[in-house]
Amino acid sequence: MAGRAGHRHRRRPNIAELESPEMGQLAADYLEAYAAWNLADVHLKRAGDLVQRNLISQAEYQDAEAQSRMSQSKMDGVAGKLRSAAYTMQTSLL
């Protein structure tokens, strides 16, 4: 809504917020996917160090890399569902 110069507009408070159980589940799914990705990323970094020192095989490193990518993909998918539902997490994780 456009206002005239010199006029101040106050933002009105929300009268009500509608939230379905599905939104709560999506938020929980996102947090779970984030935790899984974070753990997979830690494993990938450790595997990178170990493969450089020849303590694990290249195949084991590639497995860790694939797990990290799959975890990130799942997290991104859930985040996309949340954004498409116009949901903003108060924890600022998105």
Foldseek 3Di string as FASTA:
>chain_A
DDDDPPDDDDDDDDPDDDDDVVLVVLVVQLVVLVVQLVVLVVVLVVVVVCVVVVNDDPVVNVVSVVSNVVSVVSNVVSVVVCVVVVHDDPVPPD
